[in-house]
Amino acid sequence: MRYRNVSKIHPFIVAVFYTLDKIVIFLGLVLVVRILEPKDLGIAELAQVFIGVFVIGKFTVFHHALVYNKETSDEIYNAGFTADFVLSLLFYIGIFISAPFWADFYKTAVLVNLIRVVGLSIILESLLVVPLARLEKNLKFNVIYKFYFFISLFRLSLMVMLALKGFSYWSIIWSHFVSVLFSVFLFNLYEPGKARFNIDIVLFKKLFAYGKYVFIINLSVFILKNISGLFIGKMLGVAMLGFFLVAYKWGFWIMNNIFAPLDRILFPLYAKYREKNDILKKIFLKSLRYSSVFALFISVGLFLIAGEFVHVLLGDKWRAAVTPLKVLCIAGLIEFFGSLSYTYLRAAGFIKIESTRRIVYSILLCALSYPMINAYGLLGASWALLIATTITQSLYTIYIIRKMRLTFREIFKDLYIPLISVTCMMMSMGLMKIFVLNRLCIKGFLELAYLALVEFSVYAALIALFMGKEAALLLRAMSKQSANIDEILTI
């Protein structure tokens, strides 16, 4: 059976705007990190972490449930909006009252005002639940990523401008808040169906029945992303938290910039075919094959040039982040491959499995973080994250392979080309640094550019050699007006 013309996904347009979005984010973050001090980033992170718990508690629950649910009536969308908006108001009251306690815990009084300002954004984000759910359900990712590009450009431009004007940590807070306003304007302008209040207990229970597991997973993911930083902020101070934040952002770059958008695209696709196991399995293996090409190159490549990357692009004041960055590049890569099955399980109805794994992961990370940070400081936090990730993802991968009725041979078949290519890249970089680079006597930006060019040339040449024909067929399929799922899966 063929599954053609699922929707006008316009994958080529999505890829173009996604790439532009990531270029803007990369350049914006580099500029902001160069301008601000480690302490500024640490303070802003503590405020955003506190708010993040509440954001996960209300937005992801009903948003994912609306996308997953097959109903498209206005009643169910309005029920989702109403529940999300009411929770937002309740959560903001809790945020407003509890902000001083968080500030006292970290002995940073300015956190009170920061938290209360950025907390207002969770009320505004309720206005995004319905338009985003409608767009994702209709697979209009060309629109979504086009808007994301403009939002990122607006937010980072404002952040850099405010940072240059001396707003320090406030530049991060205000740019986030104003960008949420801009997002609400754009998405509601394109998807103008007015969300109305609809108090329907039956529909609310229906949405929450699915959304509660998404909440558990996302809350545990949030803990995993931030628990080390919270320990560091308390035990080592907000300046050291700034160093860890920079290392984590770049070390886990593939999770935020490859897995996150991939998850957003694949989830509604999996949801459409959740009763067709053969199609689900093919989609999973294809996503593993193509995403691994980019994930391996980015993480391993950054690991090899971490010292030059931090020195040249971020500045010498961030040199303490180099070794943690290398450790977190490895942890991020392991987390990436383990998380690919999360989207499949969520759409296929096995969400309790992922909830359990995330809870175990969180407990293990909490148990490791305190003693290792106490003994080894910033590096100890990085190693705690790597150890917890390796243990849980290894056990989880074995279980998932059995659950999905996959074999290691099927997985290796889709991974061996990127693995061989990245191994050759590592060997080439080692030889280059030993026998060539010292003789060239180049430093600074030229050294970084030369190393990055060598990495890219070796890796891209091998990928083109082994996967060139396949890549050409994939690009041809993606450049068509409508996405042909059947054609992509048979490449």
Protein backbone atom coordinates (compact mmCIF):
# COMPACT_ATOMS: atom_id res chain seq x y z
CA MET A 1 0.00 0.00 0.00
CA ARG A 2 1.28 3.45 -0.91
CA TYR A 3 0.95 6.56 1.26
CA ARG A 4 1.24 9.46 -1.16
CA ASN A 5 0.58 13.16 -0.88
CA VAL A 6 0.17 13.17 2.87
CA SER A 7 0.33 16.94 2.98
CA LYS A 8 2.17 19.83 1.42
CA ILE A 9 5.07 19.65 3.86
CA HIS A 10 7.45 21.51 1.47
CA PRO A 11 10.54 19.85 3.03
CA PHE A 12 12.99 21.87 0.94
CA ILE A 13 11.52 25.16 2.22
CA VAL A 14 11.58 23.76 5.75
CA ALA A 15 15.25 22.82 5.35
CA VAL A 16 16.19 26.26 4.01
CA PHE A 17 14.49 28.24 6.79
CA TYR A 18 15.65 25.78 9.43
CA THR A 19 19.26 26.23 8.28
CA LEU A 20 18.92 30.02 8.22
CA ASP A 21 17.38 29.92 11.70
CA LYS A 22 20.31 27.92 13.10
CA ILE A 23 22.86 30.24 11.47
CA VAL A 24 21.16 33.22 13.10
CA ILE A 25 21.04 31.46 16.49
CA PHE A 26 24.70 30.43 16.24
CA LEU A 27 25.94 33.92 15.38
CA GLY A 28 23.64 35.55 17.93
CA LEU A 29 24.78 33.29 20.77
CA VAL A 30 28.44 33.81 19.93
CA LEU A 31 27.98 37.59 20.04
CA VAL A 32 25.99 37.53 23.28
CA VAL A 33 28.48 35.22 25.02
CA ARG A 34 31.37 37.45 23.95
CA ILE A 35 29.61 40.56 25.31
CA LEU A 36 28.20 39.24 28.59
CA GLU A 37 30.08 37.93 31.61
CA PRO A 38 29.72 34.39 33.03
CA LYS A 39 27.84 35.81 36.02
CA ASP A 40 25.26 37.48 33.74
CA LEU A 41 24.48 34.20 31.99
CA GLY A 42 24.30 32.38 35.31
CA ILE A 43 21.76 34.82 36.79
CA ALA A 44 19.56 34.76 33.68
CA GLU A 45 19.70 30.96 33.62
CA LEU A 46 18.50 30.67 37.23
CA ALA A 47 15.48 32.85 36.40
CA GLN A 48 14.63 30.88 33.24
CA VAL A 49 15.05 27.51 34.96
CA PHE A 50 12.57 28.50 37.65
CA ILE A 51 10.02 29.57 35.03
CA GLY A 52 10.73 26.53 32.88
CA VAL A 53 9.14 24.13 35.36
CA PHE A 54 5.82 25.97 35.04
CA VAL A 55 6.06 26.27 31.26
CA ILE A 56 6.46 22.51 30.92
CA GLY A 57 3.62 21.94 33.34
CA LYS A 58 1.05 23.71 31.20
CA PHE A 59 2.13 24.23 27.58
CA THR A 60 3.45 20.79 26.56
CA VAL A 61 0.57 18.89 28.18
CA PHE A 62 -2.26 20.32 26.10
CA HIS A 63 -0.26 21.20 23.01
CA HIS A 64 0.92 17.62 22.43
CA ALA A 65 -2.48 16.23 23.34
CA LEU A 66 -4.19 18.41 20.72
CA VAL A 67 -1.73 17.30 18.04
CA TYR A 68 -2.05 13.64 19.02
CA ASN A 69 -5.85 13.64 19.17
CA LYS A 70 -7.55 12.89 15.84
CA GLU A 71 -10.44 15.27 16.51
CA THR A 72 -10.28 18.66 14.77
CA SER A 73 -13.42 20.32 16.13
CA ASP A 74 -13.35 23.84 17.52
CA GLU A 75 -14.70 22.48 20.80
CA ILE A 76 -11.60 20.42 21.55
CA TYR A 77 -9.24 23.23 20.55
CA ASN A 78 -11.14 25.69 22.73
CA ALA A 79 -11.09 23.23 25.65
CA GLY A 80 -7.31 22.88 25.28
CA PHE A 81 -6.87 26.66 25.16
CA THR A 82 -9.11 27.19 28.20
CA ALA A 83 -7.29 24.60 30.30
CA ASP A 84 -3.91 26.01 29.30
CA PHE A 85 -4.93 29.62 30.02
CA VAL A 86 -6.40 28.82 33.46
CA LEU A 87 -3.27 26.89 34.42
CA SER A 88 -1.14 29.81 33.22
CA LEU A 89 -2.92 32.22 35.56
CA LEU A 90 -2.62 29.84 38.50
CA PHE A 91 1.03 29.18 37.76
CA TYR A 92 1.86 32.88 37.51
CA ILE A 93 0.33 33.48 40.94
CA GLY A 94 2.58 30.71 42.24
CA ILE A 95 5.58 32.22 40.43
CA PHE A 96 4.91 35.69 41.82
CA ILE A 97 4.62 34.42 45.40
CA SER A 98 7.52 31.96 45.34
CA ALA A 99 10.09 34.11 43.47
CA PRO A 100 11.59 35.60 46.69
CA PHE A 101 12.25 32.10 48.08
CA TRP A 102 14.18 31.12 44.95
CA ALA A 103 16.19 34.36 45.14
CA ASP A 104 16.98 33.76 48.82
CA PHE A 105 18.08 30.17 48.13
CA TYR A 106 20.69 31.39 45.65
CA LYS A 107 21.38 34.64 47.57
CA THR A 108 20.70 36.70 44.43
CA ALA A 109 18.06 39.36 45.15
CA VAL A 110 17.69 40.50 41.54
CA LEU A 111 16.12 37.14 40.66
CA VAL A 112 12.79 38.28 42.13
CA ASN A 113 12.16 40.92 39.47
CA LEU A 114 13.66 38.82 36.69
CA ILE A 115 11.37 35.89 37.46
CA ARG A 116 8.24 38.02 37.77
CA VAL A 117 8.87 39.69 34.40
CA VAL A 118 9.74 36.59 32.40
CA GLY A 119 6.89 34.71 34.13
CA LEU A 120 4.36 36.87 32.30
CA SER A 121 5.38 35.12 29.08
CA ILE A 122 3.68 31.87 30.15
CA ILE A 123 0.30 33.64 30.08
CA LEU A 124 1.01 35.02 26.61
CA GLU A 125 2.09 31.58 25.37
CA SER A 126 -1.44 30.28 25.92
CA LEU A 127 -2.34 32.20 22.77
CA LEU A 128 0.07 29.98 20.83
CA VAL A 129 -1.45 26.63 21.80
CA VAL A 130 -4.24 26.51 19.20
CA PRO A 131 -2.48 28.01 16.14
CA LEU A 132 0.62 25.87 16.67
CA ALA A 133 -1.43 22.71 17.18
CA ARG A 134 -3.45 23.37 14.01
CA LEU A 135 -0.32 24.03 11.94
CA GLU A 136 1.50 20.94 13.22
CA LYS A 137 -1.55 18.73 12.78
CA ASN A 138 -1.79 19.84 9.16
CA LEU A 139 1.99 19.37 8.75
CA LYS A 140 2.51 23.01 7.71
CA PHE A 141 6.12 23.04 8.83
CA ASN A 142 7.11 25.38 6.02
CA VAL A 143 5.05 28.07 7.77
CA ILE A 144 6.25 27.14 11.26
CA TYR A 145 9.96 27.25 10.44
CA LYS A 146 9.62 30.36 8.33
CA PHE A 147 8.17 32.10 11.39
CA TYR A 148 10.78 30.57 13.71
CA PHE A 149 13.50 32.10 11.56
CA PHE A 150 12.01 35.60 11.82
CA ILE A 151 11.39 35.16 15.56
CA SER A 152 15.01 34.06 16.17
CA LEU A 153 16.34 36.94 14.08
CA PHE A 154 14.18 39.42 16.03
CA ARG A 155 15.00 37.95 19.46
CA LEU A 156 18.76 37.69 19.00
CA SER A 157 19.06 41.09 17.34
CA LEU A 158 17.24 42.64 20.29
CA MET A 159 19.37 40.64 22.77
CA VAL A 160 22.65 41.75 21.19
CA MET A 161 21.49 45.38 21.03
CA LEU A 162 20.44 45.39 24.69
CA ALA A 163 23.66 43.63 25.75
CA LEU A 164 25.74 46.27 23.93
CA LYS A 165 23.73 48.97 25.71
CA GLY A 166 24.75 47.49 29.08
CA PHE A 167 21.55 45.70 30.08
CA SER A 168 23.60 42.60 31.12
CA TYR A 169 21.28 39.75 32.21
CA TRP A 170 18.20 41.89 31.50
CA SER A 171 19.04 41.71 27.78
CA ILE A 172 18.22 37.97 27.86
CA ILE A 173 15.02 38.41 29.86
CA TRP A 174 13.55 41.31 27.87
CA SER A 175 14.41 39.80 24.49
CA HIS A 176 12.66 36.57 25.50
CA PHE A 177 9.53 38.38 26.68
CA VAL A 178 9.24 40.63 23.61
CA SER A 179 9.89 37.71 21.25
CA VAL A 180 6.94 35.84 22.79
CA LEU A 181 4.74 38.83 21.96
CA PHE A 182 6.09 38.76 18.41
CA SER A 183 5.41 34.99 18.15
CA VAL A 184 1.81 35.42 19.28
CA PHE A 185 1.31 38.14 16.66
CA LEU A 186 2.79 36.10 13.78
CA PHE A 187 1.10 32.76 14.43
CA ASN A 188 -2.31 34.22 15.17
CA LEU A 189 -2.07 36.46 12.11
CA TYR A 190 -1.54 33.40 9.90
CA GLU A 191 -3.96 31.10 11.77
CA PRO A 192 -6.61 33.64 12.80
CA GLY A 193 -9.26 31.28 14.19
CA LYS A 194 -10.20 32.84 17.51
CA ALA A 195 -9.69 30.66 20.55
CA ARG A 196 -12.74 30.84 22.80
CA PHE A 197 -13.23 29.74 26.37
CA ASN A 198 -14.86 26.34 26.61
CA ILE A 199 -15.08 24.66 30.02
CA ASP A 200 -15.69 21.02 29.17
CA ILE A 201 -14.61 18.55 31.85
CA VAL A 202 -14.99 15.55 29.54
CA LEU A 203 -12.71 17.02 26.88
CA PHE A 204 -10.30 18.23 29.53
CA LYS A 205 -9.96 14.72 30.95
CA LYS A 206 -9.50 13.32 27.46
CA LEU A 207 -6.64 15.69 26.72
CA PHE A 208 -5.05 15.31 30.13
CA ALA A 209 -5.18 11.50 29.93
CA TYR A 210 -2.54 11.66 27.22
CA GLY A 211 -0.85 14.90 28.18
CA LYS A 212 0.01 13.86 31.72
CA TYR A 213 2.60 11.37 30.46
CA VAL A 214 4.10 13.98 28.15
CA PHE A 215 4.33 16.25 31.20
CA ILE A 216 6.20 13.59 33.20
CA ILE A 217 8.64 13.03 30.35
CA ASN A 218 9.22 16.70 29.66
CA LEU A 219 9.59 17.51 33.34
CA SER A 220 12.24 14.80 33.71
CA VAL A 221 13.97 16.06 30.54
CA PHE A 222 13.93 19.54 32.05
CA ILE A 223 15.44 18.23 35.27
CA LEU A 224 18.12 16.41 33.30
CA LYS A 225 18.99 19.58 31.42
CA ASN A 226 19.16 21.76 34.52
CA ILE A 227 19.88 19.74 37.66
CA SER A 228 23.65 19.97 37.23
CA GLY A 229 23.38 23.71 36.71
CA LEU A 230 21.23 24.14 39.81
CA PHE A 231 23.78 22.25 41.91
CA ILE A 232 26.60 24.34 40.43
CA GLY A 233 24.74 27.61 41.04
CA LYS A 234 24.27 26.72 44.69
CA MET A 235 27.62 25.04 45.39
CA LEU A 236 30.04 26.95 43.14
CA GLY A 237 28.25 30.26 42.44
CA VAL A 238 26.48 31.88 39.49
CA ALA A 239 29.72 32.65 37.61
CA MET A 240 30.62 28.94 37.44
CA LEU A 241 27.04 28.26 36.37
CA GLY A 242 27.70 30.59 33.43
CA PHE A 243 30.70 28.48 32.38
CA PHE A 244 28.69 25.28 32.63
CA LEU A 245 25.80 26.82 30.69
CA VAL A 246 28.09 27.68 27.76
CA ALA A 247 29.59 24.17 27.78
CA TYR A 248 26.15 22.59 27.96
CA LYS A 249 24.61 24.72 25.22
CA TRP A 250 27.30 23.80 22.72
CA GLY A 251 27.83 20.22 23.96
CA PHE A 252 24.11 19.45 23.66
CA TRP A 253 23.67 21.60 20.55
CA ILE A 254 22.43 18.64 18.52
CA MET A 255 19.61 18.00 21.01
CA ASN A 256 18.20 21.51 20.67
CA ASN A 257 18.96 22.04 17.00
CA ILE A 258 18.62 18.61 15.37
CA PHE A 259 16.54 16.42 17.66
CA ALA A 260 14.04 19.10 18.77
CA PRO A 261 12.91 20.10 15.24
CA LEU A 262 13.10 16.47 14.10
CA ASP A 263 10.82 15.50 16.98
CA ARG A 264 8.39 18.29 16.06
CA ILE A 265 8.20 17.06 12.44
CA LEU A 266 8.14 13.32 13.11
CA PHE A 267 5.58 13.29 15.94
CA PRO A 268 2.52 14.30 13.85
CA LEU A 269 3.80 12.00 11.08
CA TYR A 270 4.07 9.07 13.50
CA ALA A 271 0.66 9.97 14.91
CA LYS A 272 -0.92 9.70 11.45
CA TYR A 273 0.47 6.19 10.95
CA ARG A 274 0.45 4.92 14.52
CA GLU A 275 -1.68 1.92 13.53
CA LYS A 276 0.68 0.96 10.65
CA ASN A 277 3.74 -0.53 12.33
CA ASP A 278 5.66 -1.18 9.12
CA ILE A 279 5.51 2.50 8.14
CA LEU A 280 6.48 3.61 11.66
CA LYS A 281 9.52 1.36 11.64
CA LYS A 282 10.67 2.63 8.24
CA ILE A 283 10.27 6.25 9.28
CA PHE A 284 12.29 5.59 12.45
CA LEU A 285 15.17 3.95 10.59
CA LYS A 286 15.27 6.68 7.96
CA SER A 287 15.32 9.39 10.62
CA LEU A 288 18.14 7.54 12.39
CA ARG A 289 20.14 7.21 9.17
CA TYR A 290 19.98 10.81 8.00
CA SER A 291 20.10 12.58 11.37
CA SER A 292 23.19 10.57 12.41
CA VAL A 293 25.11 12.02 9.46
CA PHE A 294 24.79 15.51 10.95
CA ALA A 295 24.83 14.59 14.65
CA LEU A 296 28.10 12.64 14.50
CA PHE A 297 29.89 15.30 12.49
CA ILE A 298 28.78 18.19 14.72
CA SER A 299 29.45 16.55 18.10
CA VAL A 300 32.70 14.78 17.24
CA GLY A 301 33.89 17.73 15.18
CA LEU A 302 33.29 20.17 18.04
CA PHE A 303 34.98 17.76 20.47
CA LEU A 304 38.15 17.78 18.34
CA ILE A 305 38.40 21.59 18.08
CA ALA A 306 36.82 22.61 21.41
CA GLY A 307 39.87 24.55 22.60
CA GLU A 308 40.21 26.57 19.41
CA PHE A 309 36.45 27.12 19.22
CA VAL A 310 36.21 28.62 22.70
CA HIS A 311 39.40 30.68 22.39
CA VAL A 312 38.61 32.22 19.01
CA LEU A 313 34.82 32.60 18.97
CA LEU A 314 33.89 33.02 22.63
CA GLY A 315 37.02 34.58 24.08
CA ASP A 316 39.66 33.68 26.67
CA LYS A 317 37.34 34.53 29.57
CA TRP A 318 35.46 31.28 28.77
CA ARG A 319 38.52 28.99 28.70
CA ALA A 320 37.33 27.18 31.86
CA ALA A 321 34.47 25.76 29.77
CA VAL A 322 36.75 23.86 27.32
CA THR A 323 37.16 20.53 29.16
CA PRO A 324 33.49 20.35 30.31
CA LEU A 325 32.53 21.10 26.69
CA LYS A 326 34.45 18.07 25.44
CA VAL A 327 32.79 15.80 28.01
CA LEU A 328 29.33 17.16 27.21
CA CYS A 329 29.83 16.70 23.45
CA ILE A 330 30.04 12.96 24.12
CA ALA A 331 27.09 13.02 26.54
CA GLY A 332 25.00 15.00 24.06
CA LEU A 333 25.69 12.52 21.27
CA ILE A 334 24.68 9.54 23.44
CA GLU A 335 21.53 11.36 24.56
CA PHE A 336 20.67 12.18 20.94
CA PHE A 337 20.68 8.59 19.73
CA GLY A 338 18.73 7.41 22.76
CA SER A 339 16.10 10.12 22.33
CA LEU A 340 15.29 9.30 18.69
CA SER A 341 13.02 6.47 19.80
CA TYR A 342 11.17 8.84 22.18
CA THR A 343 9.11 10.34 19.36
CA TYR A 344 8.18 6.91 18.06
CA LEU A 345 7.11 5.62 21.47
CA ARG A 346 5.10 8.76 22.24
CA ALA A 347 3.13 8.48 18.99
CA ALA A 348 2.77 4.69 19.13
CA GLY A 349 1.23 4.80 22.61
CA PHE A 350 4.18 3.43 24.66
CA ILE A 351 4.62 6.67 26.54
CA LYS A 352 4.77 5.06 30.00
CA ILE A 353 8.04 3.38 29.05
CA GLU A 354 9.72 6.68 28.31
CA SER A 355 8.25 8.23 31.46
CA THR A 356 9.82 5.49 33.59
CA ARG A 357 13.21 5.85 31.91
CA ARG A 358 13.28 9.60 32.41
CA ILE A 359 12.41 9.26 36.10
CA VAL A 360 15.21 6.72 36.62
CA TYR A 361 17.58 8.97 34.67
CA SER A 362 16.71 11.97 36.83
CA ILE A 363 17.19 10.07 40.08
CA LEU A 364 20.57 8.72 38.95
CA LEU A 365 21.77 12.15 37.84
CA CYS A 366 20.72 13.74 41.13
CA ALA A 367 22.54 11.00 43.05
CA LEU A 368 25.75 11.53 41.06
CA SER A 369 25.77 15.32 40.76
CA TYR A 370 26.23 16.40 44.39
CA PRO A 371 29.23 14.21 45.31
CA MET A 372 30.98 14.68 41.95
CA ILE A 373 30.54 18.48 41.94
CA ASN A 374 31.70 18.57 45.55
CA ALA A 375 34.84 16.60 44.64
CA TYR A 376 35.70 17.83 41.13
CA GLY A 377 33.75 21.06 40.64
CA LEU A 378 32.66 21.99 37.12
CA LEU A 379 34.26 18.94 35.53
CA GLY A 380 32.54 16.67 38.05
CA ALA A 381 29.14 17.97 36.95
CA SER A 382 30.00 17.15 33.34
CA TRP A 383 31.15 13.64 34.17
CA ALA A 384 28.03 13.00 36.29
CA LEU A 385 25.89 13.88 33.28
CA LEU A 386 27.95 11.66 30.98
CA ILE A 387 27.84 8.65 33.33
CA ALA A 388 24.08 8.93 33.95
CA THR A 389 23.42 9.31 30.23
CA THR A 390 25.59 6.34 29.25
CA ILE A 391 24.10 3.94 31.81
CA THR A 392 20.44 4.71 31.21
CA GLN A 393 20.64 5.07 27.43
CA SER A 394 22.52 1.77 27.05
CA LEU A 395 19.87 -0.16 28.98
CA TYR A 396 17.06 1.74 27.29
CA THR A 397 18.42 1.09 23.79
CA ILE A 398 18.51 -2.66 24.35
CA TYR A 399 14.91 -2.59 25.58
CA ILE A 400 13.69 -0.41 22.70
CA ILE A 401 15.31 -2.63 20.08
CA ARG A 402 13.30 -5.56 21.41
CA LYS A 403 10.12 -3.52 21.76
CA MET A 404 10.30 -2.27 18.18
CA ARG A 405 11.35 -5.71 16.92
CA LEU A 406 14.52 -4.32 15.44
CA THR A 407 17.86 -6.04 15.15
CA PHE A 408 21.32 -4.59 15.75
CA ARG A 409 22.06 -5.44 12.14
CA GLU A 410 19.25 -3.17 10.91
CA ILE A 411 20.51 -0.31 13.09
CA PHE A 412 24.16 -0.82 12.14
CA LYS A 413 23.18 -0.87 8.47
CA ASP A 414 21.95 2.71 8.82
CA LEU A 415 24.87 3.86 10.97
CA TYR A 416 28.02 2.25 9.60
CA ILE A 417 28.71 4.87 6.89
CA PRO A 418 28.60 7.88 9.26
CA LEU A 419 30.59 5.90 11.86
CA ILE A 420 33.34 5.01 9.37
CA SER A 421 33.40 8.58 8.07
CA VAL A 422 33.70 10.17 11.50
CA THR A 423 36.45 7.69 12.50
CA CYS A 424 38.46 8.66 9.43
CA MET A 425 37.86 12.32 10.28
CA MET A 426 39.23 11.82 13.79
CA MET A 427 42.33 10.06 12.49
CA SER A 428 42.92 12.79 9.90
CA MET A 429 42.59 15.52 12.53
CA GLY A 430 45.06 13.75 14.82
CA LEU A 431 47.64 13.44 12.05
CA MET A 432 47.01 17.00 10.93
CA LYS A 433 47.65 18.46 14.39
CA ILE A 434 50.83 16.39 14.88
CA PHE A 435 52.54 16.69 11.50
CA VAL A 436 51.06 19.70 9.69
CA LEU A 437 49.55 22.36 11.92
CA ASN A 438 52.70 23.09 13.94
CA ARG A 439 54.67 23.72 10.75
CA LEU A 440 52.10 26.15 9.35
CA CYS A 441 52.47 28.50 12.35
CA ILE A 442 48.92 29.84 12.09
CA LYS A 443 46.93 30.96 15.12
CA GLY A 444 43.57 32.42 16.03
CA PHE A 445 40.76 32.48 13.53
CA LEU A 446 42.89 31.05 10.69
CA GLU A 447 43.76 28.02 12.80
CA LEU A 448 40.11 27.39 13.69
CA ALA A 449 39.00 27.87 10.09
CA TYR A 450 41.71 25.52 8.82
CA LEU A 451 40.81 22.76 11.30
CA ALA A 452 37.07 23.10 10.60
CA LEU A 453 37.75 22.96 6.84
CA VAL A 454 39.82 19.78 7.22
CA GLU A 455 37.10 18.15 9.30
CA PHE A 456 34.38 19.07 6.84
CA SER A 457 36.40 18.10 3.76
CA VAL A 458 37.29 14.61 4.99
CA TYR A 459 33.84 13.83 6.39
CA ALA A 460 31.87 15.31 3.48
CA ALA A 461 34.06 13.51 0.91
CA LEU A 462 33.44 10.12 2.53
CA ILE A 463 29.69 10.74 2.94
CA ALA A 464 29.47 11.82 -0.71
CA LEU A 465 31.41 8.74 -1.79
CA PHE A 466 29.18 6.27 0.05
CA MET A 467 25.85 8.13 0.09
CA GLY A 468 26.05 10.55 -2.84
CA LYS A 469 23.48 8.84 -5.05
CA GLU A 470 21.11 8.36 -2.13
CA ALA A 471 21.48 12.03 -1.14
CA ALA A 472 20.68 13.14 -4.69
CA LEU A 473 17.49 11.06 -4.74
CA LEU A 474 16.49 12.42 -1.33
CA LEU A 475 17.03 16.03 -2.38
CA ARG A 476 15.00 15.41 -5.54
CA ALA A 477 12.12 14.02 -3.48
CA MET A 478 12.33 16.89 -0.98
CA SER A 479 12.37 19.58 -3.67
CA LYS A 480 8.95 18.58 -4.94
CA GLN A 481 5.91 20.68 -4.12
CA SER A 482 4.39 17.98 -1.89
CA ALA A 483 6.17 15.51 0.32
CA ASN A 484 5.85 11.98 -0.99
CA ILE A 485 6.35 9.80 2.07
CA ASP A 486 6.38 6.57 0.10
CA GLU A 487 9.12 7.81 -2.23
CA ILE A 488 11.32 9.00 0.65
CA LEU A 489 10.98 5.71 2.53
CA THR A 490 12.05 3.65 -0.48
CA ILE A 491 15.26 5.62 -1.17
